[in-house]
Amino acid sequence: MPRWIYQNGQAYEVGADYVPEPRNHNRVVGDLHYLDCKGPEGEDLTTRTKHKEFMSRKGLTTVDDYSNTWKDAERARIANNDPTRRQTIEQNFYRRFVK
């Protein structure tokens, strides 16, 4: 019975003794964006730790630091929801742009 493998979209028939070549895909995918990463002055930022230390030293932050802030703001918007606000906005938009 023939045995088939697929590489780059092509099918190849192989023998029963075929052993695939080992793949070297062990890098953590989540850290690939640090590969060859350098700061504006050439600083080495190739790891999460180095990047975090650089950001801290420069007084910078990343967007994930604001996730709780955005969640709190969403809760406040829901709690202070005024049902007439949307209607007022729609009426003003209609008067201004549609009429």
C-alpha atoms as a PDB file:
ATOM      1  CA  MET A   1       0.000   0.000   0.000  1.00  0.00           C
ATOM      2  CA  PRO A   2       1.551   3.354  -0.996  1.00  0.00           C
ATOM      3  CA  ARG A   3       2.297   5.971   1.606  1.00  0.00           C
ATOM      4  CA  TRP A   4       2.105   9.684   0.821  1.00  0.00           C
ATOM      5  CA  ILE A   5       3.491  12.825   2.414  1.00  0.00           C
ATOM      6  CA  TYR A   6       2.718  16.430   1.586  1.00  0.00           C
ATOM      7  CA  GLN A   7       5.368  19.145   1.488  1.00  0.00           C
ATOM      8  CA  ASN A   8       4.704  22.681   0.289  1.00  0.00           C
ATOM      9  CA  GLY A   9       1.428  21.644  -1.292  1.00  0.00           C
ATOM     10  CA  GLN A  10       2.946  18.755  -3.270  1.00  0.00           C
ATOM     11  CA  ALA A  11       2.191  15.064  -2.696  1.00  0.00           C
ATOM     12  CA  TYR A  12       5.096  12.596  -2.679  1.00  0.00           C
ATOM     13  CA  GLU A  13       4.944   8.826  -2.500  1.00  0.00           C
ATOM     14  CA  VAL A  14       7.363   7.391   0.058  1.00  0.00           C
ATOM     15  CA  GLY A  15       8.344   3.915   1.129  1.00  0.00           C
ATOM     16  CA  ALA A  16       7.289   2.137   4.311  1.00  0.00           C
ATOM     17  CA  ASP A  17      10.698   2.874   5.854  1.00  0.00           C
ATOM     18  CA  TYR A  18      10.403   6.670   5.358  1.00  0.00           C
ATOM     19  CA  VAL A  19      11.255   8.737   8.453  1.00  0.00           C
ATOM     20  CA  PRO A  20      10.490  12.471   8.270  1.00  0.00           C
ATOM     21  CA  GLU A  21      13.253  14.956   8.981  1.00  0.00           C
ATOM     22  CA  PRO A  22      12.962  16.437  12.475  1.00  0.00           C
ATOM     23  CA  ARG A  23      11.663  19.986  12.550  1.00  0.00           C
ATOM     24  CA  ASN A  24      13.314  22.698  14.575  1.00  0.00           C
ATOM     25  CA  HIS A  25      10.222  24.711  15.539  1.00  0.00           C
ATOM     26  CA  ASN A  26      10.735  24.870  19.278  1.00  0.00           C
ATOM     27  CA  ARG A  27      10.780  28.656  19.647  1.00  0.00           C
ATOM     28  CA  VAL A  28       7.924  30.008  21.728  1.00  0.00           C
ATOM     29  CA  VAL A  29       5.662  31.734  19.227  1.00  0.00           C
ATOM     30  CA  GLY A  30       4.599  34.381  21.729  1.00  0.00           C
ATOM     31  CA  ASP A  31       8.159  35.735  21.945  1.00  0.00           C
ATOM     32  CA  LEU A  32       8.919  35.885  18.219  1.00  0.00           C
ATOM     33  CA  HIS A  33       8.263  39.620  18.133  1.00  0.00           C
ATOM     34  CA  TYR A  34      11.364  40.101  20.331  1.00  0.00           C
ATOM     35  CA  LEU A  35      13.594  38.496  17.698  1.00  0.00           C
ATOM     36  CA  ASP A  36      16.230  41.074  16.595  1.00  0.00           C
ATOM     37  CA  CYS A  37      14.435  43.764  18.623  1.00  0.00           C
ATOM     38  CA  LYS A  38      16.536  46.804  19.425  1.00  0.00           C
ATOM     39  CA  GLY A  39      15.795  50.050  21.221  1.00  0.00           C
ATOM     40  CA  PRO A  40      16.164  53.473  19.603  1.00  0.00           C
ATOM     41  CA  GLU A  41      19.768  53.727  20.757  1.00  0.00           C
ATOM     42  CA  GLY A  42      20.660  50.147  19.813  1.00  0.00           C
ATOM     43  CA  GLU A  43      19.786  48.527  23.155  1.00  0.00           C
ATOM     44  CA  ASP A  44      19.316  44.756  23.095  1.00  0.00           C
ATOM     45  CA  LEU A  45      15.608  44.025  23.661  1.00  0.00           C
ATOM     46  CA  THR A  46      15.536  40.417  22.448  1.00  0.00           C
ATOM     47  CA  THR A  47      13.800  39.010  25.530  1.00  0.00           C
ATOM     48  CA  ARG A  48      10.664  39.874  27.441  1.00  0.00           C
ATOM     49  CA  THR A  49      12.728  40.647  30.554  1.00  0.00           C
ATOM     50  CA  LYS A  50      15.054  43.049  28.711  1.00  0.00           C
ATOM     51  CA  HIS A  51      12.105  44.767  27.057  1.00  0.00           C
ATOM     52  CA  LYS A  52      10.233  45.148  30.358  1.00  0.00           C
ATOM     53  CA  GLU A  53      13.320  46.557  32.087  1.00  0.00           C
ATOM     54  CA  PHE A  54      13.900  49.023  29.221  1.00  0.00           C
ATOM     55  CA  MET A  55      10.278  50.203  29.326  1.00  0.00           C
ATOM     56  CA  SER A  56      10.463  50.647  33.103  1.00  0.00           C
ATOM     57  CA  ARG A  57      13.756  52.557  32.901  1.00  0.00           C
ATOM     58  CA  LYS A  58      12.337  54.940  30.265  1.00  0.00           C
ATOM     59  CA  GLY A  59       9.019  55.420  32.090  1.00  0.00           C
ATOM     60  CA  LEU A  60       7.044  53.771  29.290  1.00  0.00           C
ATOM     61  CA  THR A  61       4.289  51.165  29.330  1.00  0.00           C
ATOM     62  CA  THR A  62       2.463  48.792  27.012  1.00  0.00           C
ATOM     63  CA  VAL A  63      -1.231  48.761  26.187  1.00  0.00           C
ATOM     64  CA  ASP A  64      -1.950  45.705  28.359  1.00  0.00           C
ATOM     65  CA  ASP A  65      -1.270  47.817  31.453  1.00  0.00           C
ATOM     66  CA  TYR A  66      -4.558  49.607  30.764  1.00  0.00           C
ATOM     67  CA  SER A  67      -6.842  46.563  30.523  1.00  0.00           C
ATOM     68  CA  ASN A  68      -8.311  47.093  34.019  1.00  0.00           C
ATOM     69  CA  THR A  69      -8.737  50.815  33.349  1.00  0.00           C
ATOM     70  CA  TRP A  70     -10.795  50.050  30.249  1.00  0.00           C
ATOM     71  CA  LYS A  71     -12.859  47.424  32.082  1.00  0.00           C
ATOM     72  CA  ASP A  72     -13.630  49.914  34.860  1.00  0.00           C
ATOM     73  CA  ALA A  73     -14.611  52.571  32.302  1.00  0.00           C
ATOM     74  CA  GLU A  74     -16.931  50.094  30.573  1.00  0.00           C
ATOM     75  CA  ARG A  75     -18.606  49.255  33.895  1.00  0.00           C
ATOM     76  CA  ALA A  76     -19.078  52.973  34.580  1.00  0.00           C
ATOM     77  CA  ARG A  77     -20.608  53.526  31.122  1.00  0.00           C
ATOM     78  CA  ILE A  78     -23.036  50.661  31.694  1.00  0.00           C
ATOM     79  CA  ALA A  79     -23.942  51.890  35.185  1.00  0.00           C
ATOM     80  CA  ASN A  80     -24.524  55.468  33.972  1.00  0.00           C
ATOM     81  CA  ASN A  81     -26.406  54.491  30.835  1.00  0.00           C
ATOM     82  CA  ASP A  82     -28.984  57.150  29.971  1.00  0.00           C
ATOM     83  CA  PRO A  83     -31.621  55.638  27.654  1.00  0.00           C
ATOM     84  CA  THR A  84     -32.488  59.058  26.165  1.00  0.00           C
ATOM     85  CA  ARG A  85     -28.870  59.832  25.221  1.00  0.00           C
ATOM     86  CA  ARG A  86     -28.854  57.661  22.089  1.00  0.00           C
ATOM     87  CA  GLN A  87     -32.169  59.107  20.933  1.00  0.00           C
ATOM     88  CA  THR A  88     -30.888  62.666  21.454  1.00  0.00           C
ATOM     89  CA  ILE A  89     -27.726  61.933  19.467  1.00  0.00           C
ATOM     90  CA  GLU A  90     -29.713  60.355  16.634  1.00  0.00           C
ATOM     91  CA  GLN A  91     -32.106  63.321  16.473  1.00  0.00           C
ATOM     92  CA  ASN A  92     -29.273  65.852  16.412  1.00  0.00           C
ATOM     93  CA  PHE A  93     -27.430  63.881  13.741  1.00  0.00           C
ATOM     94  CA  TYR A  94     -30.581  63.717  11.620  1.00  0.00           C
ATOM     95  CA  ARG A  95     -31.205  67.464  11.983  1.00  0.00           C
ATOM     96  CA  ARG A  96     -27.610  68.334  11.162  1.00  0.00           C
ATOM     97  CA  PHE A  97     -26.764  65.960   8.336  1.00  0.00           C
ATOM     98  CA  VAL A  98     -29.899  64.402   6.865  1.00  0.00           C
ATOM     99  CA  LYS A  99     -32.404  67.251   6.614  1.00  0.00           C
END
